[in-house]
Structure formats: C-alpha cells, structure tokens
C-alpha cells in the first residue's frame, strides 16, 4: 500500500538499515520495482518513490520483485531473473551515465557478482551490452535522421563524440559518417520514403 506520509520512525529505519525492523514492514521502490527489508544496504531511495508493505506477500501481489541483496522473501532470486531485471534497468536508463556500481546499486547486488553473472548468462559484460545497445540506437538515428554525429552520440548516452566515433568503428567496422553514407540510400529505398 502507498503511504501518503511515511513516519519518521519508518524512514529512519530504512535510512539506518535497522535490523530490528526486519519483518515488521517491507519497503518497495517504485522506480526499480524492487522491495527490501529495512536492513537492506542498498542505496537510499527517494522518499517519494517508497511504498510500505506489512509483509512480503503484499509487495509481491503489488508486482514488486524481491531484492537480490537482502532477500526479503528469504529465497534467492534466480540468476536468470536477476539478469532480466538488470537488462530491463539498462533498457530504461541506457541514455544516462551508467556504471557497474550504479547498476548494482539499483538492482540490489554487488558489482563483482553482477559482472560475473551477467557475463555468464548473456555472454557479454554489462559494459559491452550497453555499448552495443547504444550503437544499435545510433544506427537507427543515422539512417532515420539528419542529426549530427554529436547530437546522435549525446542522444544515445555517449556525450564524447570522438569516443562515440571510435566505439562505433570498433563495433561496426566503419565510422558513423561512412556507415550513414553507405547505408542511408539503401534504407530510404527499402522504406519507400524520400
């Protein structure tokens, strides 16, 4: 249930990671879709995004997922489900600056475990996955817009244009400008526009 005003006592238990409140209530974070015990060592959420539940079942019924770090249901989240959660988070935030630490904090795990588990299941590191996703979005922008390289780089989450060009060439084999020149006419002909 969403509590309009979280009492100071409950908020202090969350901020202070107070073990004595475990199983007295659980809190969920709207922006991540995850719920935790009060003692969870995760990053402190924004108070306006917090929901309070009397038990884990209520949180699960409200479609919140259990935190991998504090395990509020006392069950381990399967690695596959956790990696899906991480992937979903990356998809929602891929135009923002993302670090292994920020992803681990938001998805409630350690950076080292996240890196190992993600690579084992996806076959690439989180950084490689993010880079490839950004390049795919850049390709779409190159073919469908007349934005400059700087505008495209910034729009896909890479504000450093020279780095964007280098990364693009490393992954695709040509610079963004070369790619646009060689492929835009073919894309226009296939889509039937212009």
C-alpha atoms as a PDB file:
ATOM      1  CA  UNK A   1       0.000   0.000   0.000  1.00  0.00           C
ATOM      2  CA  UNK A   2       1.197   3.520  -0.707  1.00  0.00           C
ATOM      3  CA  UNK A   3       1.509   5.538   2.455  1.00  0.00           C
ATOM      4  CA  UNK A   4       0.956   9.259   1.846  1.00  0.00           C
ATOM      5  CA  UNK A   5       3.322  10.164   4.622  1.00  0.00           C
ATOM      6  CA  UNK A   6       6.000   7.802   5.842  1.00  0.00           C
ATOM      7  CA  UNK A   7       6.553   8.246   9.561  1.00  0.00           C
ATOM      8  CA  UNK A   8       9.941   9.443  10.746  1.00  0.00           C
ATOM      9  CA  UNK A   9      10.352   6.156  12.617  1.00  0.00           C
ATOM     10  CA  UNK A  10       9.884   4.058   9.469  1.00  0.00           C
ATOM     11  CA  UNK A  11      12.014   6.371   7.319  1.00  0.00           C
ATOM     12  CA  UNK A  12      14.825   6.349   9.904  1.00  0.00           C
ATOM     13  CA  UNK A  13      14.697   2.532   9.978  1.00  0.00           C
ATOM     14  CA  UNK A  14      15.149   2.473   6.180  1.00  0.00           C
ATOM     15  CA  UNK A  15      17.910   5.091   6.115  1.00  0.00           C
ATOM     16  CA  UNK A  16      19.672   3.495   9.095  1.00  0.00           C
ATOM     17  CA  UNK A  17      19.344  -0.091   7.775  1.00  0.00           C
ATOM     18  CA  UNK A  18      17.837  -1.048  11.140  1.00  0.00           C
ATOM     19  CA  UNK A  19      17.704  -4.873  11.515  1.00  0.00           C
ATOM     20  CA  UNK A  20      15.244  -4.604  14.397  1.00  0.00           C
ATOM     21  CA  UNK A  21      12.522  -3.578  11.911  1.00  0.00           C
ATOM     22  CA  UNK A  22      13.042  -6.552   9.588  1.00  0.00           C
ATOM     23  CA  UNK A  23       9.767  -8.446   9.093  1.00  0.00           C
ATOM     24  CA  UNK A  24       7.832  -5.630  10.803  1.00  0.00           C
ATOM     25  CA  UNK A  25       7.480  -3.937   7.414  1.00  0.00           C
ATOM     26  CA  UNK A  26       8.971  -4.025   3.926  1.00  0.00           C
ATOM     27  CA  UNK A  27       9.576  -1.120   1.599  1.00  0.00           C
ATOM     28  CA  UNK A  28       9.356  -1.034  -2.183  1.00  0.00           C
ATOM     29  CA  UNK A  29      10.820   1.465  -4.609  1.00  0.00           C
ATOM     30  CA  UNK A  30       8.535   2.487  -7.469  1.00  0.00           C
ATOM     31  CA  UNK A  31      11.384   3.376  -9.839  1.00  0.00           C
ATOM     32  CA  UNK A  32      13.131  -0.008  -9.601  1.00  0.00           C
ATOM     33  CA  UNK A  33      10.160  -2.304  -8.963  1.00  0.00           C
ATOM     34  CA  UNK A  34      12.047  -3.945  -6.090  1.00  0.00           C
ATOM     35  CA  UNK A  35      11.149  -4.422  -2.436  1.00  0.00           C
ATOM     36  CA  UNK A  36      13.526  -4.734   0.514  1.00  0.00           C
ATOM     37  CA  UNK A  37      13.866  -5.332   4.219  1.00  0.00           C
ATOM     38  CA  UNK A  38      14.558  -2.202   6.283  1.00  0.00           C
ATOM     39  CA  UNK A  39      18.099  -3.501   6.928  1.00  0.00           C
ATOM     40  CA  UNK A  40      18.995  -3.609   3.215  1.00  0.00           C
ATOM     41  CA  UNK A  41      22.338  -1.939   2.498  1.00  0.00           C
ATOM     42  CA  UNK A  42      21.190  -0.674  -0.907  1.00  0.00           C
ATOM     43  CA  UNK A  43      21.346   2.955  -1.932  1.00  0.00           C
ATOM     44  CA  UNK A  44      18.876   5.121  -0.022  1.00  0.00           C
ATOM     45  CA  UNK A  45      15.799   5.633  -2.217  1.00  0.00           C
ATOM     46  CA  UNK A  46      13.994   8.906  -2.796  1.00  0.00           C
ATOM     47  CA  UNK A  47      11.320   9.072  -0.137  1.00  0.00           C
ATOM     48  CA  UNK A  48       8.579   9.990  -2.630  1.00  0.00           C
ATOM     49  CA  UNK A  49       9.195   6.716  -4.528  1.00  0.00           C
ATOM     50  CA  UNK A  50       8.805   4.470  -1.464  1.00  0.00           C
ATOM     51  CA  UNK A  51       5.827   2.220  -0.736  1.00  0.00           C
ATOM     52  CA  UNK A  52       5.416   0.477   2.628  1.00  0.00           C
ATOM     53  CA  UNK A  53       4.036  -3.060   2.973  1.00  0.00           C
ATOM     54  CA  UNK A  54       3.211  -5.024   6.118  1.00  0.00           C
ATOM     55  CA  UNK A  55       4.564  -8.259   4.635  1.00  0.00           C
ATOM     56  CA  UNK A  56       6.413  -9.630   1.612  1.00  0.00           C
ATOM     57  CA  UNK A  57       3.247 -11.172   0.163  1.00  0.00           C
ATOM     58  CA  UNK A  58       1.636  -7.732  -0.168  1.00  0.00           C
ATOM     59  CA  UNK A  59       4.690  -6.450  -2.030  1.00  0.00           C
ATOM     60  CA  UNK A  60       4.692  -9.468  -4.354  1.00  0.00           C
ATOM     61  CA  UNK A  61       0.959  -9.038  -5.056  1.00  0.00           C
ATOM     62  CA  UNK A  62       1.674  -5.406  -5.983  1.00  0.00           C
ATOM     63  CA  UNK A  63       4.129  -6.754  -8.614  1.00  0.00           C
ATOM     64  CA  UNK A  64       7.326  -5.755  -6.825  1.00  0.00           C
ATOM     65  CA  UNK A  65      10.295  -8.124  -7.125  1.00  0.00           C
ATOM     66  CA  UNK A  66      12.378  -9.224  -4.128  1.00  0.00           C
ATOM     67  CA  UNK A  67      15.772  -7.579  -3.689  1.00  0.00           C
ATOM     68  CA  UNK A  68      18.690  -9.838  -4.563  1.00  0.00           C
ATOM     69  CA  UNK A  69      20.866  -8.255  -1.887  1.00  0.00           C
ATOM     70  CA  UNK A  70      18.668  -8.510   1.241  1.00  0.00           C
ATOM     71  CA  UNK A  71      16.404 -11.380   0.045  1.00  0.00           C
ATOM     72  CA  UNK A  72      13.183 -10.195   1.747  1.00  0.00           C
ATOM     73  CA  UNK A  73      11.375 -13.437   0.912  1.00  0.00           C
ATOM     74  CA  UNK A  74      14.338 -15.419   2.242  1.00  0.00           C
ATOM     75  CA  UNK A  75      14.607 -17.017  -1.197  1.00  0.00           C
ATOM     76  CA  UNK A  76      17.337 -16.397  -3.712  1.00  0.00           C
ATOM     77  CA  UNK A  77      16.299 -14.685  -6.926  1.00  0.00           C
ATOM     78  CA  UNK A  78      17.357 -16.990  -9.756  1.00  0.00           C
ATOM     79  CA  UNK A  79      20.280 -15.592 -11.720  1.00  0.00           C
ATOM     80  CA  UNK A  80      18.308 -15.615 -14.986  1.00  0.00           C
ATOM     81  CA  UNK A  81      15.540 -13.494 -13.426  1.00  0.00           C
ATOM     82  CA  UNK A  82      18.105 -11.128 -11.918  1.00  0.00           C
ATOM     83  CA  UNK A  83      19.845 -10.663 -15.270  1.00  0.00           C
ATOM     84  CA  UNK A  84      16.441  -9.941 -16.856  1.00  0.00           C
ATOM     85  CA  UNK A  85      15.922  -7.298 -14.161  1.00  0.00           C
ATOM     86  CA  UNK A  86      19.371  -5.827 -14.891  1.00  0.00           C
ATOM     87  CA  UNK A  87      18.671  -5.848 -18.634  1.00  0.00           C
ATOM     88  CA  UNK A  88      15.349  -4.086 -18.093  1.00  0.00           C
ATOM     89  CA  UNK A  89      17.088  -1.459 -15.962  1.00  0.00           C
ATOM     90  CA  UNK A  90      19.723  -0.914 -18.678  1.00  0.00           C
ATOM     91  CA  UNK A  91      17.000  -0.534 -21.325  1.00  0.00           C
ATOM     92  CA  UNK A  92      15.241   2.104 -19.242  1.00  0.00           C
ATOM     93  CA  UNK A  93      18.426   4.050 -18.446  1.00  0.00           C
ATOM     94  CA  UNK A  94      20.784   3.449 -21.377  1.00  0.00           C
ATOM     95  CA  UNK A  95      20.968   7.116 -22.370  1.00  0.00           C
ATOM     96  CA  UNK A  96      22.131   8.051 -18.869  1.00  0.00           C
ATOM     97  CA  UNK A  97      25.637   7.628 -17.456  1.00  0.00           C
ATOM     98  CA  UNK A  98      25.744   4.001 -16.273  1.00  0.00           C
ATOM     99  CA  UNK A  99      28.450   2.384 -14.190  1.00  0.00           C
ATOM    100  CA  UNK A 100      28.681  -1.126 -12.850  1.00  0.00           C
ATOM    101  CA  UNK A 101      28.276   0.329  -9.352  1.00  0.00           C
ATOM    102  CA  UNK A 102      25.153   2.338 -10.238  1.00  0.00           C
ATOM    103  CA  UNK A 103      23.544  -0.679 -11.919  1.00  0.00           C
ATOM    104  CA  UNK A 104      24.458  -2.930  -8.969  1.00  0.00           C
ATOM    105  CA  UNK A 105      23.022  -0.399  -6.511  1.00  0.00           C
ATOM    106  CA  UNK A 106      19.777  -0.103  -8.446  1.00  0.00           C
ATOM    107  CA  UNK A 107      19.436  -3.853  -8.992  1.00  0.00           C
ATOM    108  CA  UNK A 108      20.467  -4.759  -5.460  1.00  0.00           C
ATOM    109  CA  UNK A 109      23.645  -6.764  -5.874  1.00  0.00           C
ATOM    110  CA  UNK A 110      27.384  -6.341  -5.726  1.00  0.00           C
ATOM    111  CA  UNK A 111      29.232  -5.058  -8.818  1.00  0.00           C
ATOM    112  CA  UNK A 112      31.504  -8.121  -8.893  1.00  0.00           C
ATOM    113  CA  UNK A 113      28.622 -10.612  -8.718  1.00  0.00           C
ATOM    114  CA  UNK A 114      26.619  -8.606 -11.259  1.00  0.00           C
ATOM    115  CA  UNK A 115      29.545  -8.593 -13.725  1.00  0.00           C
ATOM    116  CA  UNK A 116      30.161 -12.353 -13.385  1.00  0.00           C
ATOM    117  CA  UNK A 117      26.507 -13.373 -13.503  1.00  0.00           C
ATOM    118  CA  UNK A 118      25.591 -11.083 -16.402  1.00  0.00           C
ATOM    119  CA  UNK A 119      28.538 -12.306 -18.500  1.00  0.00           C
ATOM    120  CA  UNK A 120      27.784 -15.961 -17.735  1.00  0.00           C
ATOM    121  CA  UNK A 121      24.145 -15.612 -18.801  1.00  0.00           C
ATOM    122  CA  UNK A 122      24.378 -13.024 -21.615  1.00  0.00           C
ATOM    123  CA  UNK A 123      27.839 -13.876 -22.941  1.00  0.00           C
ATOM    124  CA  UNK A 124      28.988 -10.250 -22.728  1.00  0.00           C
ATOM    125  CA  UNK A 125      29.800  -7.892 -19.885  1.00  0.00           C
ATOM    126  CA  UNK A 126      27.262  -5.240 -18.877  1.00  0.00           C
ATOM    127  CA  UNK A 127      29.544  -2.575 -20.403  1.00  0.00           C
ATOM    128  CA  UNK A 128      29.683  -4.422 -23.739  1.00  0.00           C
ATOM    129  CA  UNK A 129      25.915  -4.887 -23.696  1.00  0.00           C
ATOM    130  CA  UNK A 130      25.350  -1.178 -23.032  1.00  0.00           C
ATOM    131  CA  UNK A 131      27.819  -0.159 -25.751  1.00  0.00           C
ATOM    132  CA  UNK A 132      26.229  -2.466 -28.326  1.00  0.00           C
ATOM    133  CA  UNK A 133      22.741  -1.263 -27.414  1.00  0.00           C
ATOM    134  CA  UNK A 134      23.822   2.359 -27.789  1.00  0.00           C
ATOM    135  CA  UNK A 135      25.411   1.640 -31.177  1.00  0.00           C
ATOM    136  CA  UNK A 136      22.217  -0.068 -32.414  1.00  0.00           C
ATOM    137  CA  UNK A 137      20.261   3.046 -31.410  1.00  0.00           C
ATOM    138  CA  UNK A 138      22.882   5.205 -33.144  1.00  0.00           C
ATOM    139  CA  UNK A 139      22.496   3.187 -36.357  1.00  0.00           C
ATOM    140  CA  UNK A 140      18.767   3.825 -36.290  1.00  0.00           C
ATOM    141  CA  UNK A 141      19.366   7.567 -35.815  1.00  0.00           C
ATOM    142  CA  UNK A 142      21.980   7.623 -38.594  1.00  0.00           C
ATOM    143  CA  UNK A 143      19.529   6.056 -41.035  1.00  0.00           C
ATOM    144  CA  UNK A 144      16.359   7.847 -39.979  1.00  0.00           C
ATOM    145  CA  UNK A 145      17.508  11.370 -39.063  1.00  0.00           C
ATOM    146  CA  UNK A 146      19.827  14.103 -40.240  1.00  0.00           C
ATOM    147  CA  UNK A 147      21.247  14.686 -36.759  1.00  0.00           C
ATOM    148  CA  UNK A 148      24.935  15.482 -36.446  1.00  0.00           C
ATOM    149  CA  UNK A 149      27.337  12.913 -35.003  1.00  0.00           C
ATOM    150  CA  UNK A 150      27.494  14.945 -31.794  1.00  0.00           C
ATOM    151  CA  UNK A 151      23.681  15.002 -31.487  1.00  0.00           C
ATOM    152  CA  UNK A 152      23.422  11.271 -32.115  1.00  0.00           C
ATOM    153  CA  UNK A 153      26.245  10.457 -29.711  1.00  0.00           C
ATOM    154  CA  UNK A 154      24.643  12.540 -26.984  1.00  0.00           C
ATOM    155  CA  UNK A 155      21.153  11.107 -27.640  1.00  0.00           C
ATOM    156  CA  UNK A 156      22.376   7.526 -27.183  1.00  0.00           C
ATOM    157  CA  UNK A 157      24.230   8.261 -23.951  1.00  0.00           C
ATOM    158  CA  UNK A 158      27.774   8.900 -25.218  1.00  0.00           C
ATOM    159  CA  UNK A 159      28.444  12.637 -24.790  1.00  0.00           C
ATOM    160  CA  UNK A 160      32.061  12.356 -26.011  1.00  0.00           C
ATOM    161  CA  UNK A 161      31.842  12.460 -29.825  1.00  0.00           C
ATOM    162  CA  UNK A 162      35.397  11.212 -30.585  1.00  0.00           C
ATOM    163  CA  UNK A 163      34.824   8.251 -28.240  1.00  0.00           C
ATOM    164  CA  UNK A 164      31.466   7.581 -29.931  1.00  0.00           C
ATOM    165  CA  UNK A 165      33.124   7.514 -33.372  1.00  0.00           C
ATOM    166  CA  UNK A 166      35.921   5.219 -32.132  1.00  0.00           C
ATOM    167  CA  UNK A 167      33.467   2.852 -30.417  1.00  0.00           C
ATOM    168  CA  UNK A 168      31.190   2.802 -33.463  1.00  0.00           C
ATOM    169  CA  UNK A 169      34.115   1.900 -35.736  1.00  0.00           C
ATOM    170  CA  UNK A 170      35.304  -0.796 -33.306  1.00  0.00           C
ATOM    171  CA  UNK A 171      31.874  -2.466 -33.209  1.00  0.00           C
ATOM    172  CA  UNK A 172      30.617  -1.858 -36.770  1.00  0.00           C
ATOM    173  CA  UNK A 173      33.859  -1.620 -38.756  1.00  0.00           C
ATOM    174  CA  UNK A 174      33.293   1.847 -40.190  1.00  0.00           C
ATOM    175  CA  UNK A 175      32.851   5.352 -38.822  1.00  0.00           C
ATOM    176  CA  UNK A 176      29.296   6.618 -38.287  1.00  0.00           C
ATOM    177  CA  UNK A 177      29.707   9.016 -41.218  1.00  0.00           C
ATOM    178  CA  UNK A 178      30.846   6.231 -43.541  1.00  0.00           C
ATOM    179  CA  UNK A 179      28.022   3.996 -42.326  1.00  0.00           C
ATOM    180  CA  UNK A 180      25.427   6.713 -42.933  1.00  0.00           C
ATOM    181  CA  UNK A 181      26.780   7.455 -46.407  1.00  0.00           C
ATOM    182  CA  UNK A 182      26.884   3.802 -47.453  1.00  0.00           C
ATOM    183  CA  UNK A 183      23.557   2.749 -45.933  1.00  0.00           C
ATOM    184  CA  UNK A 184      21.174   5.710 -45.849  1.00  0.00           C
ATOM    185  CA  UNK A 185      20.214   5.497 -49.537  1.00  0.00           C
ATOM    186  CA  UNK A 186      19.572   1.762 -49.232  1.00  0.00           C
ATOM    187  CA  UNK A 187      17.461   2.377 -46.111  1.00  0.00           C
ATOM    188  CA  UNK A 188      15.464   5.111 -47.864  1.00  0.00           C
ATOM    189  CA  UNK A 189      14.809   2.856 -50.860  1.00  0.00           C
ATOM    190  CA  UNK A 190      13.665  -0.041 -48.611  1.00  0.00           C
ATOM    191  CA  UNK A 191      11.361   2.152 -46.547  1.00  0.00           C
ATOM    192  CA  UNK A 192       9.886   3.784 -49.644  1.00  0.00           C
ATOM    193  CA  UNK A 193      10.370   7.344 -48.431  1.00  0.00           C
ATOM    194  CA  UNK A 194      12.108  10.329 -49.999  1.00  0.00           C
END
